[in-house]
Protein backbone atom coordinates (compact mmCIF):
# COMPACT_ATOMS: atom_id res chain seq x y z
CA UNK A 1 2.08 16.77 1.83
CA UNK A 2 0.32 13.56 2.82
CA UNK A 3 0.34 10.72 0.34
CA UNK A 4 -1.38 7.39 0.65
CA UNK A 5 0.13 4.63 -1.49
CA UNK A 6 -1.96 1.78 -2.90
CA UNK A 7 -0.56 -1.62 -1.98
CA UNK A 8 -1.77 -5.18 -2.28
CA UNK A 9 -1.99 -7.38 0.81
CA UNK A 10 0.16 -10.44 0.15
CA UNK A 11 0.39 -12.12 3.56
CA UNK A 12 -1.55 -11.94 6.79
CA UNK A 13 0.20 -12.54 10.13
CA UNK A 14 -1.97 -15.14 11.89
CA UNK A 15 -0.05 -14.67 15.16
CA UNK A 16 -0.59 -10.90 15.06
CA UNK A 17 -3.84 -10.61 13.08
CA UNK A 18 -3.74 -6.82 12.93
CA UNK A 19 -0.53 -6.96 10.84
CA UNK A 20 0.01 -7.90 7.20
CA UNK A 21 2.67 -7.64 4.52
CA UNK A 22 1.80 -5.56 1.48
CA UNK A 23 3.55 -5.21 -1.87
CA UNK A 24 3.96 -2.06 -3.89
CA UNK A 25 6.30 -1.83 -6.83
CA UNK A 26 8.43 -4.78 -5.74
CA UNK A 27 8.85 -3.52 -2.17
CA UNK A 28 7.28 -5.43 0.72
CA UNK A 29 6.24 -3.58 3.85
CA UNK A 30 4.48 -4.50 7.07
CA UNK A 31 1.29 -2.54 7.71
CA UNK A 32 -1.26 -2.36 10.47
CA UNK A 33 -4.80 -3.42 9.48
CA UNK A 34 -6.46 -2.15 12.66
CA UNK A 35 -8.32 0.65 10.89
CA UNK A 36 -9.90 -1.59 8.23
CA UNK A 37 -10.01 -4.92 10.05
CA UNK A 38 -7.99 -8.01 9.27
CA UNK A 39 -11.05 -9.84 7.93
CA UNK A 40 -13.63 -8.68 5.39
CA UNK A 41 -17.38 -8.54 5.99
CA UNK A 42 -17.72 -12.28 5.25
CA UNK A 43 -14.95 -13.19 7.72
CA UNK A 44 -12.34 -13.93 5.04
CA UNK A 45 -8.74 -12.77 5.12
CA UNK A 46 -7.96 -9.63 3.14
CA UNK A 47 -5.01 -11.26 1.31
CA UNK A 48 -5.19 -10.17 -2.32
CA UNK A 49 -7.12 -6.99 -1.58
CA UNK A 50 -5.75 -3.53 -2.33
CA UNK A 51 -5.45 -0.96 0.45
CA UNK A 52 -4.41 2.67 0.71
CA UNK A 53 -1.38 2.83 3.05
CA UNK A 54 -0.29 5.91 4.97
CA UNK A 55 2.31 6.00 7.78
CA UNK A 56 2.22 2.23 8.19
CA UNK A 57 -1.55 1.88 8.41
CA UNK A 58 -4.01 0.53 5.85
CA UNK A 59 -6.45 3.44 5.76
CA UNK A 60 -9.08 2.08 3.34
CA UNK A 61 -9.87 -0.67 0.86
CA UNK A 62 -9.45 0.03 -2.87
CA UNK A 63 -10.57 -1.94 -5.88
CA UNK A 64 -7.76 -2.96 -8.24
CA UNK A 65 -8.72 -0.45 -10.93
CA UNK A 66 -8.64 2.45 -8.47
CA UNK A 67 -5.31 1.23 -7.08
CA UNK A 68 -3.74 1.00 -10.55
CA UNK A 69 -5.04 4.47 -11.52
CA UNK A 70 -3.64 5.96 -8.31
CA UNK A 71 -0.26 4.27 -8.85
CA UNK A 72 -0.15 5.65 -12.40
CA UNK A 73 -1.01 9.15 -11.14
CA UNK A 74 1.73 8.94 -8.49
CA UNK A 75 4.22 7.80 -11.13
CA UNK A 76 3.27 10.76 -13.33
CA UNK A 77 3.50 13.15 -10.36
CA UNK A 78 6.97 11.86 -9.48
CA UNK A 79 8.20 12.94 -12.88
CA UNK A 80 7.34 16.62 -12.21
CA UNK A 81 7.25 16.95 -8.43
CA UNK A 82 10.55 16.40 -6.66
CA UNK A 83 8.81 15.92 -3.29
CA UNK A 84 6.75 13.03 -4.65
CA UNK A 85 9.77 11.54 -6.41
CA UNK A 86 11.78 11.68 -3.18
CA UNK A 87 8.92 10.10 -1.22
CA UNK A 88 8.66 7.23 -3.67
CA UNK A 89 12.37 6.37 -3.45
CA UNK A 90 13.22 3.30 -1.39
CA UNK A 91 16.54 2.07 -0.02
CA UNK A 92 19.40 2.07 -2.50
CA UNK A 93 17.76 4.66 -4.71
CA UNK A 94 15.28 2.24 -6.28
CA UNK A 95 11.88 3.66 -7.07
CA UNK A 96 9.05 2.16 -4.99
CA UNK A 97 6.78 2.01 -8.02
CA UNK A 98 9.25 0.35 -10.41
């Protein structure tokens, strides 16, 4: 099963412009922006934008409503699908979406 997780870009690495930190459910992860570009169409940083993250790469841009709906769906899935629940666990047993 392949799952992309919505995350919000919170910090852009100016020294390595293809990298950024994203937040999802209290967890912060470094992701690669190479597939979407570090800057938007107007040349502005993507900080604050929502992205779909899979295997450490931002795969696409999401609007906030779509991101929140996807996070809610993943939360609901984790309650009935053990594979999804296991995937969403982060270090120490905390849930990535909590």
